Every structure is written in structure tokens, then in C-alpha cells.
C-alpha atoms as a PDB file:
ATOM      1  CA  MET A   1     -44.297  78.545 -97.891  1.00  0.00           C
ATOM      2  CA  ALA A   2     -44.430  79.559 -94.243  1.00  0.00           C
ATOM      3  CA  LYS A   3     -43.744  77.018 -91.530  1.00  0.00           C
ATOM      4  CA  LYS A   4     -46.983  75.895 -89.841  1.00  0.00           C
ATOM      5  CA  GLN A   5     -47.216  77.137 -86.280  1.00  0.00           C
ATOM      6  CA  THR A   6     -47.875  74.429 -83.696  1.00  0.00           C
ATOM      7  CA  ALA A   7     -46.672  76.086 -80.477  1.00  0.00           C
ATOM      8  CA  GLY A   8     -50.191  76.642 -79.187  1.00  0.00           C
ATOM      9  CA  ARG A   9     -51.175  73.014 -79.613  1.00  0.00           C
ATOM     10  CA  ASP A  10     -47.786  71.780 -78.413  1.00  0.00           C
ATOM     11  CA  GLN A  11     -47.830  73.838 -75.219  1.00  0.00           C
ATOM     12  CA  LEU A  12     -51.514  74.380 -74.421  1.00  0.00           C
ATOM     13  CA  GLY A  13     -53.451  71.978 -76.628  1.00  0.00           C
ATOM     14  CA  GLU A  14     -54.655  69.676 -73.883  1.00  0.00           C
ATOM     15  CA  PHE A  15     -55.261  72.427 -71.319  1.00  0.00           C
ATOM     16  CA  ALA A  16     -56.813  75.078 -73.577  1.00  0.00           C
ATOM     17  CA  PRO A  17     -57.553  73.568 -76.989  1.00  0.00           C
ATOM     18  CA  LYS A  18     -59.581  76.505 -78.358  1.00  0.00           C
ATOM     19  CA  PHE A  19     -56.936  79.046 -77.358  1.00  0.00           C
ATOM     20  CA  ALA A  20     -54.266  76.817 -78.925  1.00  0.00           C
ATOM     21  CA  GLN A  21     -56.275  76.566 -82.140  1.00  0.00           C
ATOM     22  CA  LEU A  22     -56.783  80.347 -82.299  1.00  0.00           C
ATOM     23  CA  ASN A  23     -53.069  80.925 -81.680  1.00  0.00           C
ATOM     24  CA  ASP A  24     -51.886  78.512 -84.345  1.00  0.00           C
ATOM     25  CA  ASP A  25     -54.566  78.828 -87.003  1.00  0.00           C
ATOM     26  CA  VAL A  26     -55.848  82.387 -86.691  1.00  0.00           C
ATOM     27  CA  LEU A  27     -53.033  84.506 -85.251  1.00  0.00           C
ATOM     28  CA  PHE A  28     -50.146  82.774 -86.987  1.00  0.00           C
ATOM     29  CA  GLY A  29     -52.020  80.967 -89.770  1.00  0.00           C
ATOM     30  CA  GLU A  30     -54.136  83.906 -90.948  1.00  0.00           C
ATOM     31  CA  VAL A  31     -52.992  87.243 -89.499  1.00  0.00           C
ATOM     32  CA  TRP A  32     -49.227  86.715 -89.819  1.00  0.00           C
ATOM     33  CA  ALA A  33     -49.824  85.246 -93.287  1.00  0.00           C
ATOM     34  CA  ARG A  34     -51.251  88.538 -94.604  1.00  0.00           C
ATOM     35  CA  GLN A  35     -47.892  89.543 -96.045  1.00  0.00           C
ATOM     36  CA  LYS A  36     -49.393  91.535 -98.914  1.00  0.00           C
ATOM     37  CA  GLU A  37     -50.898  93.950 -96.383  1.00  0.00           C
ATOM     38  CA  LEU A  38     -47.869  94.058 -94.051  1.00  0.00           C
ATOM     39  CA  GLY A  39     -44.631  92.124 -94.449  1.00  0.00           C
ATOM     40  CA  LEU A  40     -43.136  89.789 -91.859  1.00  0.00           C
ATOM     41  CA  ARG A  41     -40.344  92.253 -91.054  1.00  0.00           C
ATOM     42  CA  GLU A  42     -42.840  94.986 -90.220  1.00  0.00           C
ATOM     43  CA  ARG A  43     -45.111  92.587 -88.326  1.00  0.00           C
ATOM     44  CA  SER A  44     -42.120  91.581 -86.222  1.00  0.00           C
ATOM     45  CA  LEU A  45     -41.307  95.226 -85.411  1.00  0.00           C
ATOM     46  CA  VAL A  46     -44.911  95.915 -84.428  1.00  0.00           C
ATOM     47  CA  THR A  47     -45.125  92.759 -82.312  1.00  0.00           C
ATOM     48  CA  VAL A  48     -41.800  93.318 -80.530  1.00  0.00           C
ATOM     49  CA  THR A  49     -42.789  96.916 -79.825  1.00  0.00           C
ATOM     50  CA  ALA A  50     -46.143  95.840 -78.388  1.00  0.00           C
ATOM     51  CA  LEU A  51     -44.551  93.182 -76.171  1.00  0.00           C
ATOM     52  CA  ILE A  52     -41.939  95.585 -74.809  1.00  0.00           C
ATOM     53  CA  THR A  53     -44.610  98.213 -74.211  1.00  0.00           C
ATOM     54  CA  LYS A  54     -46.731  95.753 -72.213  1.00  0.00           C
ATOM     55  CA  GLY A  55     -43.737  94.289 -70.393  1.00  0.00           C
ATOM     56  CA  ALA A  56     -44.596  90.864 -71.840  1.00  0.00           C
ATOM     57  CA  PHE A  57     -41.047  89.567 -71.507  1.00  0.00           C
ATOM     58  CA  GLU A  58     -41.950  85.868 -71.440  1.00  0.00           C
ATOM     59  CA  GLN A  59     -43.020  86.061 -75.094  1.00  0.00           C
ATOM     60  CA  LEU A  60     -40.252  88.468 -76.137  1.00  0.00           C
ATOM     61  CA  PRO A  61     -37.404  85.964 -76.792  1.00  0.00           C
ATOM     62  CA  TYR A  62     -39.449  84.069 -79.384  1.00  0.00           C
ATOM     63  CA  HIS A  63     -40.523  87.262 -81.123  1.00  0.00           C
ATOM     64  CA  LEU A  64     -37.059  88.826 -81.028  1.00  0.00           C
ATOM     65  CA  GLN A  65     -35.663  85.671 -82.651  1.00  0.00           C
ATOM     66  CA  THR A  66     -38.453  85.852 -85.219  1.00  0.00           C
ATOM     67  CA  ALA A  67     -37.613  89.521 -85.832  1.00  0.00           C
ATOM     68  CA  LYS A  68     -33.962  88.592 -86.388  1.00  0.00           C
ATOM     69  CA  ASP A  69     -35.029  85.797 -88.744  1.00  0.00           C
ATOM     70  CA  ASN A  70     -37.235  88.332 -90.565  1.00  0.00           C
ATOM     71  CA  GLY A  71     -34.274  90.632 -91.224  1.00  0.00           C
ATOM     72  CA  ILE A  72     -34.161  93.012 -88.256  1.00  0.00           C
ATOM     73  CA  THR A  73     -30.525  93.823 -87.488  1.00  0.00           C
ATOM     74  CA  LYS A  74     -28.871  94.280 -84.103  1.00  0.00           C
ATOM     75  CA  GLU A  75     -28.507  97.990 -84.835  1.00  0.00           C
ATOM     76  CA  GLU A  76     -32.181  98.331 -85.728  1.00  0.00           C
ATOM     77  CA  ILE A  77     -33.457  96.510 -82.646  1.00  0.00           C
ATOM     78  CA  ALA A  78     -31.146  98.583 -80.445  1.00  0.00           C
ATOM     79  CA  GLU A  79     -32.573 101.740 -82.009  1.00  0.00           C
ATOM     80  CA  VAL A  80     -36.158 100.530 -81.568  1.00  0.00           C
ATOM     81  CA  ILE A  81     -35.577  99.710 -77.895  1.00  0.00           C
ATOM     82  CA  THR A  82     -33.785 103.019 -77.290  1.00  0.00           C
ATOM     83  CA  GLN A  83     -36.707 104.914 -78.854  1.00  0.00           C
ATOM     84  CA  LEU A  84     -39.197 102.950 -76.760  1.00  0.00           C
ATOM     85  CA  ALA A  85     -37.327 103.693 -73.538  1.00  0.00           C
ATOM     86  CA  PHE A  86     -38.580 107.273 -73.610  1.00  0.00           C
ATOM     87  CA  TYR A  87     -42.189 106.272 -74.216  1.00  0.00           C
ATOM     88  CA  VAL A  88     -42.716 103.036 -72.286  1.00  0.00           C
ATOM     89  CA  GLY A  89     -40.148 103.271 -69.532  1.00  0.00           C
ATOM     90  CA  TRP A  90     -36.486 102.713 -68.854  1.00  0.00           C
ATOM     91  CA  PRO A  91     -37.009  99.404 -66.991  1.00  0.00           C
ATOM     92  CA  ASN A  92     -38.926  97.907 -69.930  1.00  0.00           C
ATOM     93  CA  ALA A  93     -36.157  98.943 -72.305  1.00  0.00           C
ATOM     94  CA  TRP A  94     -33.447  97.614 -69.982  1.00  0.00           C
ATOM     95  CA  SER A  95     -35.235  94.258 -69.725  1.00  0.00           C
ATOM     96  CA  ALA A  96     -35.695  94.115 -73.503  1.00  0.00           C
ATOM     97  CA  PHE A  97     -32.000  94.866 -74.070  1.00  0.00           C
ATOM     98  CA  ASN A  98     -31.016  91.990 -71.786  1.00  0.00           C
ATOM     99  CA  ILE A  99     -33.086  89.615 -73.897  1.00  0.00           C
ATOM    100  CA  ALA A 100     -32.003  91.092 -77.243  1.00  0.00           C
ATOM    101  CA  LYS A 101     -28.301  90.767 -76.329  1.00  0.00           C
ATOM    102  CA  LYS A 102     -28.742  86.996 -76.060  1.00  0.00           C
ATOM    103  CA  ILE A 103     -30.305  86.789 -79.529  1.00  0.00           C
ATOM    104  CA  TRP A 104     -28.018  89.095 -81.465  1.00  0.00           C
END
């Protein structure tokens, strides 16, 4: 059984209760739970790729750790970031590598 996500409520529950509820119950409780359609490993790769592409580096450490927990290896994440460098920019890749080094 998957661990229930509470980060939204923990961090934003009082300030933005609806957003926190959508984060915890819909995004993580429903979408991430659809493992038959797409496994956690693949969801992690898609999510990490999207965050790097957008330059959303504040959320990247959590999702890189989740990717590692979901079976992504250091070699695989290095290859993903290298591939992305040519499509989303060298600075985004460089920033992602600096975060990934701390996790792997």
C-alpha cells in the first residue's frame, strides 16, 4: 500500500486548503496511484523530466529522491539529464545535475 501524501496539507493546508487537498488527494492519491496505466518508475521519469524542462528546481529534490526510491539509478538519471540538456538547455541540465549529485 502506498504511503498517504500529506505534504500539501502539512505545508499549505492553512493558507491554501483546496490546493493542499488537490495535491494530496488528487495528484498523489489518484493520479500517482494509477500504476496499472503507468508505473511509479515511469511516472518519476516523466515528472523529473517535466520539472527540469520548466526549471522547477524547488520541487526537483523531492522528485529526484522519489525517482531513486522508485528504482531510477544514478546512471539512468545522468543519461536523462544529459539527453535533456540538448532540448531544454545547458543551464537547466547543469542545475539538475547539482541536485542529482546530492541524492545519488
